[in-house]
Amino acid sequence: MFADPPLVTLQLGNELNPDTIKENDDVYFECNIRANPKEYKITWFHNNATVTQNMSSGVILSTHSLVLQGVSRHDGGRYTCLAANSKGETASKAVNLRVQCKYTVAVL
């Protein structure tokens, strides 16, 4: 196998419907990485700003996942992950998170 920069894709958690996410829902993203050599760093971004773990605010980073607990409208926007190995860095395409108002009423 050849040594190359990582191949990176980002997706919203499989069991989440992007059209029905509302305030106070829990949301997670999965950063899928194929890398040789193995990645040594994964960085998360929200609207181009670095995301850092803050468990008291419900932001949890694990190996390849970003968990947002109790999202608010402020959490909406574009998310990306970036993986780095000794051959370079690659960012995923952005995934847009739209957080709807908890009290949105359907018009009949």
C-alpha atoms as a PDB file:
ATOM      1  CA  MET A   1       0.000   0.000   0.000  1.00  0.00           C
ATOM      2  CA  PHE A   2       1.270   3.449  -0.895  1.00  0.00           C
ATOM      3  CA  ALA A   3       1.876   6.181   1.648  1.00  0.00           C
ATOM      4  CA  ASP A   4      -0.422   9.164   1.053  1.00  0.00           C
ATOM      5  CA  PRO A   5      -2.167  11.968   2.899  1.00  0.00           C
ATOM      6  CA  PRO A   6      -5.384  10.789   4.577  1.00  0.00           C
ATOM      7  CA  LEU A   7      -8.694  10.351   2.750  1.00  0.00           C
ATOM      8  CA  VAL A   8     -11.326  11.983   4.942  1.00  0.00           C
ATOM      9  CA  THR A   9     -15.127  12.013   4.874  1.00  0.00           C
ATOM     10  CA  LEU A  10     -17.532  13.409   7.429  1.00  0.00           C
ATOM     11  CA  GLN A  11     -21.111  12.350   8.063  1.00  0.00           C
ATOM     12  CA  LEU A  12     -23.869  13.076  10.498  1.00  0.00           C
ATOM     13  CA  GLY A  13     -24.622  10.087  12.720  1.00  0.00           C
ATOM     14  CA  ASN A  14     -26.444   7.310  10.844  1.00  0.00           C
ATOM     15  CA  GLU A  15     -29.538   7.407  13.025  1.00  0.00           C
ATOM     16  CA  LEU A  16     -30.040  11.169  12.717  1.00  0.00           C
ATOM     17  CA  ASN A  17     -32.378  12.818  10.234  1.00  0.00           C
ATOM     18  CA  PRO A  18     -30.788  16.162   9.251  1.00  0.00           C
ATOM     19  CA  ASP A  19     -34.235  17.626   8.518  1.00  0.00           C
ATOM     20  CA  THR A  20     -35.655  17.062  12.010  1.00  0.00           C
ATOM     21  CA  ILE A  21     -32.862  18.189  14.354  1.00  0.00           C
ATOM     22  CA  LYS A  22     -34.188  20.667  16.886  1.00  0.00           C
ATOM     23  CA  GLU A  23     -32.957  22.523  19.946  1.00  0.00           C
ATOM     24  CA  ASN A  24     -31.925  20.283  22.876  1.00  0.00           C
ATOM     25  CA  ASP A  25     -31.374  17.229  20.634  1.00  0.00           C
ATOM     26  CA  ASP A  26     -28.106  15.302  20.891  1.00  0.00           C
ATOM     27  CA  VAL A  27     -26.143  15.194  17.635  1.00  0.00           C
ATOM     28  CA  TYR A  28     -23.002  13.371  16.591  1.00  0.00           C
ATOM     29  CA  PHE A  29     -20.672  13.416  13.612  1.00  0.00           C
ATOM     30  CA  GLU A  30     -18.381  10.642  12.415  1.00  0.00           C
ATOM     31  CA  CYS A  31     -15.036  11.423  10.771  1.00  0.00           C
ATOM     32  CA  ASN A  32     -14.117   8.487   8.524  1.00  0.00           C
ATOM     33  CA  ILE A  33     -10.411   8.294   7.742  1.00  0.00           C
ATOM     34  CA  ARG A  34      -8.347   6.041   5.513  1.00  0.00           C
ATOM     35  CA  ALA A  35      -4.674   6.742   6.048  1.00  0.00           C
ATOM     36  CA  ASN A  36      -1.329   5.080   5.454  1.00  0.00           C
ATOM     37  CA  PRO A  37       0.583   5.883   7.538  1.00  0.00           C
ATOM     38  CA  LYS A  38      -2.076   6.144  10.247  1.00  0.00           C
ATOM     39  CA  GLU A  39      -3.306   9.592  11.193  1.00  0.00           C
ATOM     40  CA  TYR A  40      -1.738  11.113  14.296  1.00  0.00           C
ATOM     41  CA  LYS A  41      -4.134  14.035  14.701  1.00  0.00           C
ATOM     42  CA  ILE A  42      -7.808  14.797  14.082  1.00  0.00           C
ATOM     43  CA  THR A  43      -9.060  18.369  14.360  1.00  0.00           C
ATOM     44  CA  TRP A  44     -12.713  19.445  14.297  1.00  0.00           C
ATOM     45  CA  PHE A  45     -14.049  22.753  12.974  1.00  0.00           C
ATOM     46  CA  HIS A  46     -17.365  24.612  13.290  1.00  0.00           C
ATOM     47  CA  ASN A  47     -17.691  27.467  10.788  1.00  0.00           C
ATOM     48  CA  ASN A  48     -13.879  27.351  10.355  1.00  0.00           C
ATOM     49  CA  ALA A  49     -13.196  27.745  14.101  1.00  0.00           C
ATOM     50  CA  THR A  50     -11.483  24.912  15.991  1.00  0.00           C
ATOM     51  CA  VAL A  51     -13.800  22.853  18.199  1.00  0.00           C
ATOM     52  CA  THR A  52     -12.389  21.843  21.582  1.00  0.00           C
ATOM     53  CA  GLN A  53     -13.760  19.408  24.107  1.00  0.00           C
ATOM     54  CA  ASN A  54     -15.912  21.002  26.797  1.00  0.00           C
ATOM     55  CA  MET A  55     -17.867  18.331  28.635  1.00  0.00           C
ATOM     56  CA  SER A  56     -19.691  20.848  30.830  1.00  0.00           C
ATOM     57  CA  SER A  57     -21.041  22.478  27.638  1.00  0.00           C
ATOM     58  CA  GLY A  58     -21.873  19.120  26.047  1.00  0.00           C
ATOM     59  CA  VAL A  59     -19.041  19.067  23.477  1.00  0.00           C
ATOM     60  CA  ILE A  60     -17.360  15.652  23.532  1.00  0.00           C
ATOM     61  CA  LEU A  61     -14.536  14.527  21.254  1.00  0.00           C
ATOM     62  CA  SER A  62     -13.719  10.845  20.936  1.00  0.00           C
ATOM     63  CA  THR A  63     -11.429   9.006  18.547  1.00  0.00           C
ATOM     64  CA  HIS A  64     -13.359   9.698  15.327  1.00  0.00           C
ATOM     65  CA  SER A  65     -16.532  11.314  16.665  1.00  0.00           C
ATOM     66  CA  LEU A  66     -17.807  14.714  17.715  1.00  0.00           C
ATOM     67  CA  VAL A  67     -20.814  14.679  20.054  1.00  0.00           C
ATOM     68  CA  LEU A  68     -22.917  17.776  20.714  1.00  0.00           C
ATOM     69  CA  GLN A  69     -25.324  17.316  23.600  1.00  0.00           C
ATOM     70  CA  GLY A  70     -28.408  19.518  23.857  1.00  0.00           C
ATOM     71  CA  VAL A  71     -27.749  21.549  20.710  1.00  0.00           C
ATOM     72  CA  SER A  72     -28.918  25.133  20.359  1.00  0.00           C
ATOM     73  CA  ARG A  73     -29.432  27.296  17.285  1.00  0.00           C
ATOM     74  CA  HIS A  74     -25.893  28.597  17.918  1.00  0.00           C
ATOM     75  CA  ASP A  75     -24.551  25.094  17.136  1.00  0.00           C
ATOM     76  CA  GLY A  76     -25.931  25.209  13.609  1.00  0.00           C
ATOM     77  CA  GLY A  77     -23.514  25.740  10.737  1.00  0.00           C
ATOM     78  CA  ARG A  78     -20.770  24.006   8.813  1.00  0.00           C
ATOM     79  CA  TYR A  79     -18.713  21.219  10.416  1.00  0.00           C
ATOM     80  CA  THR A  80     -15.504  19.678   9.064  1.00  0.00           C
ATOM     81  CA  CYS A  81     -12.844  17.334  10.365  1.00  0.00           C
ATOM     82  CA  LEU A  82      -9.187  17.381   9.381  1.00  0.00           C
ATOM     83  CA  ALA A  83      -6.830  14.423   9.649  1.00  0.00           C
ATOM     84  CA  ALA A  84      -3.044  14.615   9.543  1.00  0.00           C
ATOM     85  CA  ASN A  85      -0.390  11.984   8.981  1.00  0.00           C
ATOM     86  CA  SER A  86       3.288  12.203   8.103  1.00  0.00           C
ATOM     87  CA  LYS A  87       2.374  12.677   4.421  1.00  0.00           C
ATOM     88  CA  GLY A  88       0.051  15.657   4.891  1.00  0.00           C
ATOM     89  CA  GLU A  89      -3.307  16.961   6.072  1.00  0.00           C
ATOM     90  CA  THR A  90      -6.734  16.538   4.512  1.00  0.00           C
ATOM     91  CA  ALA A  91     -10.009  18.181   5.482  1.00  0.00           C
ATOM     92  CA  SER A  92     -13.416  16.650   4.857  1.00  0.00           C
ATOM     93  CA  LYS A  93     -16.105  18.367   2.864  1.00  0.00           C
ATOM     94  CA  ALA A  94     -18.316  20.413   5.161  1.00  0.00           C
ATOM     95  CA  VAL A  95     -21.529  18.985   6.599  1.00  0.00           C
ATOM     96  CA  ASN A  96     -24.174  21.583   7.368  1.00  0.00           C
ATOM     97  CA  LEU A  97     -26.083  21.259  10.649  1.00  0.00           C
ATOM     98  CA  ARG A  98     -29.445  23.000  10.757  1.00  0.00           C
ATOM     99  CA  VAL A  99     -30.991  23.266  14.211  1.00  0.00           C
ATOM    100  CA  GLN A 100     -34.680  24.066  14.193  1.00  0.00           C
ATOM    101  CA  CYS A 101     -36.503  25.920  16.917  1.00  0.00           C
ATOM    102  CA  LYS A 102     -37.862  23.481  19.492  1.00  0.00           C
ATOM    103  CA  TYR A 103     -41.297  25.075  19.268  1.00  0.00           C
ATOM    104  CA  THR A 104     -41.694  25.169  15.493  1.00  0.00           C
ATOM    105  CA  VAL A 105     -45.368  24.565  14.714  1.00  0.00           C
ATOM    106  CA  ALA A 106     -46.398  22.927  11.475  1.00  0.00           C
ATOM    107  CA  VAL A 107     -48.917  24.878   9.431  1.00  0.00           C
ATOM    108  CA  LEU A 108     -51.877  22.761   8.394  1.00  0.00           C
END
